[in-house]
Amino acid sequence: MAHVDRSEVCATSPLVSVSLGNAAIFLIGGLTRDAEPTALLLRSGDVVIMSGPACRRAYHGVPRILEDTLPGHLDVQEEDDGEWRVYADYMRTSRINVNVRQVFPIGFNPNLLEVGKQGL
């Protein structure tokens, strides 16, 4: 589902997103749902950097994971059964996305969380 990351106080710092597992279609649009999105193919190991307020506030999402695209080095073989089986089964149909972002702006003081004291 297309969404905008609005929970972050700081939208000027970049977001770094790393894809692992099956490939997926990533859509990124504009500041409203009316903008036609651009489709990108994300494979395992691909990195997307969303930077700047226009990009950080753009609607985006992953509507589809492409089956049978798991790289061989992430696929646990039958003879490797045991405690890793549950993870192997999950990875065959899924994708993991790791996001690194600065949630609060530089200089943020969590001790000043009362409304108005932070100056945000």
N, C-alpha and C. Protein backbone atom coordinates (compact mmCIF):
# COMPACT_ATOMS: atom_id res chain seq x y z
N MET A 1 0.84 -1.17 0.00
CA MET A 1 0.00 0.00 0.00
C MET A 1 0.89 1.24 0.00
N ALA A 2 0.57 2.17 -0.86
CA ALA A 2 1.35 3.41 -0.92
C ALA A 2 1.18 4.17 0.39
N HIS A 3 2.29 4.66 0.89
CA HIS A 3 2.27 5.39 2.16
C HIS A 3 3.35 6.46 2.16
N VAL A 4 3.29 7.32 3.15
CA VAL A 4 4.30 8.35 3.38
C VAL A 4 4.78 8.17 4.81
N ASP A 5 6.09 8.23 5.02
CA ASP A 5 6.65 8.10 6.37
C ASP A 5 6.48 9.43 7.10
N ARG A 6 5.40 9.57 7.85
CA ARG A 6 5.11 10.83 8.53
C ARG A 6 5.46 10.80 10.02
N SER A 7 5.89 9.67 10.52
CA SER A 7 6.15 9.55 11.95
C SER A 7 7.49 10.16 12.36
N GLU A 8 8.32 10.49 11.39
CA GLU A 8 9.63 11.04 11.71
C GLU A 8 9.57 12.56 11.85
N VAL A 9 10.26 13.07 12.83
CA VAL A 9 10.34 14.51 13.01
C VAL A 9 11.23 15.12 11.93
N CYS A 10 12.29 14.41 11.55
CA CYS A 10 13.28 14.92 10.61
C CYS A 10 13.09 14.29 9.23
N ALA A 11 12.64 15.10 8.26
CA ALA A 11 12.45 14.58 6.90
C ALA A 11 13.54 15.06 5.96
N THR A 12 14.56 15.72 6.49
CA THR A 12 15.62 16.22 5.62
C THR A 12 16.79 15.24 5.53
N SER A 13 16.94 14.39 6.51
CA SER A 13 18.02 13.39 6.47
C SER A 13 17.61 12.24 5.57
N PRO A 14 18.58 11.64 4.87
CA PRO A 14 18.23 10.54 3.95
C PRO A 14 17.79 9.28 4.68
N LEU A 15 17.04 8.46 3.96
CA LEU A 15 16.65 7.14 4.41
C LEU A 15 17.39 6.16 3.51
N VAL A 16 18.06 5.19 4.09
CA VAL A 16 18.78 4.17 3.34
C VAL A 16 18.03 2.86 3.55
N SER A 17 17.64 2.23 2.45
CA SER A 17 16.84 1.02 2.49
C SER A 17 17.58 -0.10 1.77
N VAL A 18 17.78 -1.24 2.45
CA VAL A 18 18.49 -2.39 1.89
C VAL A 18 17.49 -3.54 1.73
N SER A 19 17.43 -4.11 0.54
CA SER A 19 16.53 -5.23 0.26
C SER A 19 17.29 -6.55 0.34
N LEU A 20 16.68 -7.54 0.98
CA LEU A 20 17.26 -8.87 1.09
C LEU A 20 16.18 -9.91 0.80
N GLY A 21 16.52 -10.94 0.06
CA GLY A 21 15.56 -12.00 -0.23
C GLY A 21 15.05 -11.90 -1.65
N ASN A 22 13.77 -12.21 -1.84
CA ASN A 22 13.17 -12.17 -3.16
C ASN A 22 13.13 -10.76 -3.71
N ALA A 23 13.12 -10.65 -5.04
CA ALA A 23 13.01 -9.36 -5.69
C ALA A 23 11.60 -8.81 -5.48
N ALA A 24 11.46 -7.51 -5.66
CA ALA A 24 10.16 -6.86 -5.46
C ALA A 24 10.04 -5.67 -6.39
N ILE A 25 8.81 -5.26 -6.62
CA ILE A 25 8.53 -4.04 -7.36
C ILE A 25 8.34 -2.93 -6.33
N PHE A 26 9.10 -1.85 -6.48
CA PHE A 26 9.00 -0.69 -5.59
C PHE A 26 8.42 0.45 -6.41
N LEU A 27 7.36 1.06 -5.92
CA LEU A 27 6.75 2.20 -6.59
C LEU A 27 7.01 3.46 -5.79
N ILE A 28 7.41 4.53 -6.48
CA ILE A 28 7.57 5.82 -5.83
C ILE A 28 6.87 6.86 -6.69
N GLY A 29 6.02 7.64 -6.03
CA GLY A 29 5.23 8.64 -6.73
C GLY A 29 5.62 10.05 -6.33
N GLY A 30 4.62 10.84 -6.07
CA GLY A 30 4.85 12.24 -5.72
C GLY A 30 4.28 12.57 -4.35
N LEU A 31 4.09 13.85 -4.12
CA LEU A 31 3.61 14.32 -2.83
C LEU A 31 2.12 14.08 -2.62
N THR A 32 1.40 13.70 -3.68
CA THR A 32 -0.01 13.33 -3.58
C THR A 32 -0.20 11.98 -4.27
N ARG A 33 -1.32 11.35 -3.99
CA ARG A 33 -1.62 10.06 -4.63
C ARG A 33 -1.95 10.23 -6.11
N ASP A 34 -2.16 11.47 -6.55
CA ASP A 34 -2.49 11.73 -7.95
C ASP A 34 -1.29 11.57 -8.88
N ALA A 35 -0.09 11.70 -8.36
CA ALA A 35 1.12 11.60 -9.19
C ALA A 35 1.32 10.14 -9.61
N GLU A 36 1.59 9.93 -10.89
CA GLU A 36 1.83 8.58 -11.38
C GLU A 36 3.17 8.07 -10.85
N PRO A 37 3.18 6.88 -10.24
CA PRO A 37 4.43 6.37 -9.66
C PRO A 37 5.37 5.82 -10.72
N THR A 38 6.64 5.79 -10.35
CA THR A 38 7.69 5.16 -11.15
C THR A 38 7.97 3.80 -10.52
N ALA A 39 8.07 2.77 -11.34
CA ALA A 39 8.34 1.42 -10.85
C ALA A 39 9.82 1.10 -10.94
N LEU A 40 10.35 0.52 -9.87
CA LEU A 40 11.74 0.07 -9.83
C LEU A 40 11.78 -1.39 -9.42
N LEU A 41 12.64 -2.17 -10.04
CA LEU A 41 12.84 -3.55 -9.64
C LEU A 41 13.94 -3.57 -8.58
N LEU A 42 13.61 -4.08 -7.41
CA LEU A 42 14.60 -4.20 -6.33
C LEU A 42 14.96 -5.67 -6.18
N ARG A 43 16.25 -5.97 -6.35
CA ARG A 43 16.74 -7.33 -6.15
C ARG A 43 17.44 -7.41 -4.79
N SER A 44 17.68 -8.63 -4.34
CA SER A 44 18.37 -8.82 -3.08
C SER A 44 19.74 -8.15 -3.11
N GLY A 45 20.00 -7.33 -2.14
CA GLY A 45 21.27 -6.60 -2.07
C GLY A 45 21.18 -5.18 -2.60
N ASP A 46 20.08 -4.83 -3.27
CA ASP A 46 19.92 -3.47 -3.78
C ASP A 46 19.71 -2.49 -2.62
N VAL A 47 20.20 -1.28 -2.83
CA VAL A 47 20.06 -0.22 -1.84
C VAL A 47 19.35 0.96 -2.50
N VAL A 48 18.36 1.50 -1.81
CA VAL A 48 17.66 2.71 -2.26
C VAL A 48 17.93 3.79 -1.23
N ILE A 49 18.29 4.97 -1.71
CA ILE A 49 18.49 6.12 -0.83
C ILE A 49 17.45 7.16 -1.18
N MET A 50 16.59 7.47 -0.23
CA MET A 50 15.58 8.51 -0.41
C MET A 50 16.09 9.73 0.34
N SER A 51 16.29 10.81 -0.40
CA SER A 51 16.92 11.99 0.19
C SER A 51 16.16 13.25 -0.21
N GLY A 52 16.10 14.19 0.70
CA GLY A 52 15.44 15.46 0.44
C GLY A 52 13.95 15.39 0.75
N PRO A 53 13.37 16.51 1.17
CA PRO A 53 11.96 16.52 1.58
C PRO A 53 10.99 16.04 0.50
N ALA A 54 11.22 16.39 -0.77
CA ALA A 54 10.29 15.97 -1.83
C ALA A 54 10.28 14.45 -1.97
N CYS A 55 11.43 13.83 -1.89
CA CYS A 55 11.52 12.38 -2.00
C CYS A 55 11.06 11.70 -0.71
N ARG A 56 11.48 12.24 0.41
CA ARG A 56 11.13 11.62 1.70
C ARG A 56 9.63 11.67 1.98
N ARG A 57 8.94 12.65 1.42
CA ARG A 57 7.50 12.79 1.63
C ARG A 57 6.69 12.26 0.45
N ALA A 58 7.35 11.58 -0.48
CA ALA A 58 6.66 11.01 -1.64
C ALA A 58 5.95 9.72 -1.23
N TYR A 59 4.81 9.48 -1.83
CA TYR A 59 4.12 8.22 -1.62
C TYR A 59 4.96 7.11 -2.24
N HIS A 60 5.08 6.00 -1.52
CA HIS A 60 5.89 4.88 -1.99
C HIS A 60 5.38 3.58 -1.37
N GLY A 61 5.78 2.47 -1.95
CA GLY A 61 5.37 1.18 -1.41
C GLY A 61 5.85 0.04 -2.27
N VAL A 62 5.67 -1.17 -1.75
CA VAL A 62 6.04 -2.41 -2.45
C VAL A 62 4.75 -3.21 -2.64
N PRO A 63 4.14 -3.11 -3.83
CA PRO A 63 2.89 -3.83 -4.05
C PRO A 63 3.06 -5.31 -4.38
N ARG A 64 4.30 -5.70 -4.75
CA ARG A 64 4.46 -7.08 -5.19
C ARG A 64 5.87 -7.60 -4.91
N ILE A 65 5.91 -8.81 -4.36
CA ILE A 65 7.15 -9.57 -4.22
C ILE A 65 7.15 -10.61 -5.33
N LEU A 66 8.25 -10.74 -6.02
CA LEU A 66 8.34 -11.67 -7.16
C LEU A 66 8.80 -13.05 -6.68
N GLU A 67 7.95 -14.02 -6.84
CA GLU A 67 8.24 -15.38 -6.38
C GLU A 67 9.39 -16.00 -7.15
N ASP A 68 10.06 -16.92 -6.50
CA ASP A 68 11.15 -17.70 -7.10
C ASP A 68 12.32 -16.84 -7.57
N THR A 69 12.60 -15.75 -6.86
CA THR A 69 13.74 -14.90 -7.19
C THR A 69 14.76 -14.85 -6.06
N LEU A 70 14.61 -15.73 -5.08
CA LEU A 70 15.55 -15.77 -3.96
C LEU A 70 16.92 -16.22 -4.46
N PRO A 71 17.98 -15.43 -4.20
CA PRO A 71 19.32 -15.83 -4.63
C PRO A 71 19.73 -17.15 -3.97
N GLY A 72 20.47 -17.96 -4.71
CA GLY A 72 20.89 -19.26 -4.21
C GLY A 72 21.64 -19.22 -2.89
N HIS A 73 22.44 -18.16 -2.68
CA HIS A 73 23.23 -18.10 -1.45
C HIS A 73 22.37 -17.84 -0.21
N LEU A 74 21.09 -17.50 -0.39
CA LEU A 74 20.18 -17.31 0.75
C LEU A 74 19.22 -18.48 0.92
N ASP A 75 19.29 -19.45 0.01
CA ASP A 75 18.38 -20.58 0.04
C ASP A 75 19.01 -21.73 0.81
N VAL A 76 18.37 -22.14 1.91
CA VAL A 76 18.85 -23.28 2.69
C VAL A 76 18.40 -24.54 1.98
N GLN A 77 19.33 -25.43 1.70
CA GLN A 77 19.05 -26.66 0.97
C GLN A 77 18.40 -27.69 1.89
N GLU A 78 17.78 -28.70 1.29
CA GLU A 78 17.07 -29.74 2.05
C GLU A 78 17.97 -30.41 3.08
N GLU A 79 19.23 -30.65 2.73
CA GLU A 79 20.12 -31.33 3.68
C GLU A 79 20.50 -30.45 4.87
N ASP A 80 20.20 -29.17 4.79
CA ASP A 80 20.50 -28.25 5.89
C ASP A 80 19.29 -28.10 6.80
N ASP A 81 18.53 -29.16 6.96
CA ASP A 81 17.32 -29.13 7.76
C ASP A 81 17.65 -28.79 9.22
N GLY A 82 16.67 -28.68 10.04
CA GLY A 82 16.89 -28.40 11.45
C GLY A 82 16.31 -27.07 11.84
N GLU A 83 16.99 -26.40 12.75
CA GLU A 83 16.44 -25.15 13.29
C GLU A 83 16.35 -24.03 12.27
N TRP A 84 17.08 -24.11 11.16
CA TRP A 84 17.01 -23.07 10.13
C TRP A 84 15.86 -23.28 9.16
N ARG A 85 15.18 -24.40 9.22
CA ARG A 85 14.10 -24.71 8.27
C ARG A 85 13.02 -23.63 8.27
N VAL A 86 12.60 -23.17 9.42
CA VAL A 86 11.54 -22.17 9.49
C VAL A 86 11.96 -20.87 8.78
N TYR A 87 13.23 -20.50 8.91
CA TYR A 87 13.74 -19.30 8.24
C TYR A 87 13.83 -19.51 6.73
N ALA A 88 14.26 -20.68 6.34
CA ALA A 88 14.37 -20.99 4.91
C ALA A 88 13.00 -20.94 4.25
N ASP A 89 12.01 -21.52 4.90
CA ASP A 89 10.65 -21.50 4.35
C ASP A 89 10.14 -20.07 4.24
N TYR A 90 10.42 -19.25 5.22
CA TYR A 90 10.00 -17.84 5.18
C TYR A 90 10.68 -17.09 4.03
N MET A 91 11.98 -17.26 3.90
CA MET A 91 12.74 -16.52 2.89
C MET A 91 12.34 -16.91 1.47
N ARG A 92 11.87 -18.11 1.24
CA ARG A 92 11.48 -18.53 -0.12
C ARG A 92 10.29 -17.74 -0.66
N THR A 93 9.51 -17.13 0.22
CA THR A 93 8.32 -16.41 -0.23
C THR A 93 8.31 -14.95 0.20
N SER A 94 9.41 -14.48 0.77
CA SER A 94 9.40 -13.15 1.40
C SER A 94 10.58 -12.29 0.99
N ARG A 95 10.56 -11.11 1.54
CA ARG A 95 11.62 -10.12 1.35
C ARG A 95 11.81 -9.41 2.68
N ILE A 96 13.05 -9.14 3.01
CA ILE A 96 13.35 -8.38 4.22
C ILE A 96 13.87 -7.02 3.78
N ASN A 97 13.36 -5.98 4.39
CA ASN A 97 13.78 -4.62 4.09
C ASN A 97 14.37 -4.02 5.36
N VAL A 98 15.61 -3.59 5.29
CA VAL A 98 16.28 -2.97 6.43
C VAL A 98 16.39 -1.47 6.14
N ASN A 99 15.79 -0.66 7.01
CA ASN A 99 15.84 0.79 6.85
C ASN A 99 16.75 1.42 7.90
N VAL A 100 17.55 2.36 7.45
CA VAL A 100 18.39 3.14 8.36
C VAL A 100 17.99 4.59 8.16
N ARG A 101 17.58 5.23 9.24
CA ARG A 101 17.12 6.61 9.15
C ARG A 101 17.41 7.35 10.43
N GLN A 102 17.52 8.65 10.31
CA GLN A 102 17.67 9.51 11.48
C GLN A 102 16.26 9.97 11.84
N VAL A 103 15.76 9.49 12.95
CA VAL A 103 14.39 9.79 13.33
C VAL A 103 14.26 11.20 13.88
N PHE A 104 15.21 11.62 14.67
CA PHE A 104 15.17 12.95 15.26
C PHE A 104 16.25 13.84 14.66
N PRO A 105 16.01 15.13 14.58
CA PRO A 105 17.02 16.03 14.02
C PRO A 105 18.23 16.16 14.93
N ILE A 106 19.35 16.57 14.35
CA ILE A 106 20.56 16.80 15.14
C ILE A 106 20.24 17.84 16.20
N GLY A 107 20.67 17.60 17.43
CA GLY A 107 20.41 18.52 18.53
C GLY A 107 19.15 18.19 19.31
N PHE A 108 18.41 17.16 18.89
CA PHE A 108 17.19 16.77 19.60
C PHE A 108 17.53 16.33 21.01
N ASN A 109 16.79 16.82 21.98
CA ASN A 109 17.01 16.47 23.37
C ASN A 109 15.76 15.75 23.89
N PRO A 110 15.84 14.43 24.12
CA PRO A 110 14.66 13.69 24.57
C PRO A 110 14.16 14.13 25.94
N ASN A 111 14.97 14.85 26.70
CA ASN A 111 14.54 15.35 28.01
C ASN A 111 13.59 16.53 27.88
N LEU A 112 13.48 17.07 26.67
CA LEU A 112 12.61 18.23 26.45
C LEU A 112 11.39 17.86 25.62
N LEU A 113 10.81 16.69 25.87
CA LEU A 113 9.71 16.21 25.06
C LEU A 113 8.38 16.93 25.29
N GLU A 114 8.28 17.74 26.31
CA GLU A 114 7.05 18.48 26.52
C GLU A 114 6.81 19.42 25.35
N VAL A 115 5.56 19.57 25.00
CA VAL A 115 5.16 20.40 23.86
C VAL A 115 5.73 21.81 23.98
N GLY A 116 6.34 22.28 22.90
CA GLY A 116 6.84 23.65 22.87
C GLY A 116 8.27 23.83 23.31
N LYS A 117 8.82 22.92 24.09
CA LYS A 117 10.19 23.10 24.57
C LYS A 117 11.24 22.73 23.52
N GLN A 118 10.89 21.87 22.57
CA GLN A 118 11.86 21.38 21.59
C GLN A 118 12.11 22.37 20.46
N GLY A 119 11.11 23.19 20.18
CA GLY A 119 11.27 24.16 19.09
C GLY A 119 11.18 23.53 17.72
N LEU A 120 10.45 22.42 17.60
CA LEU A 120 10.32 21.72 16.31
C LEU A 120 9.09 22.16 15.58
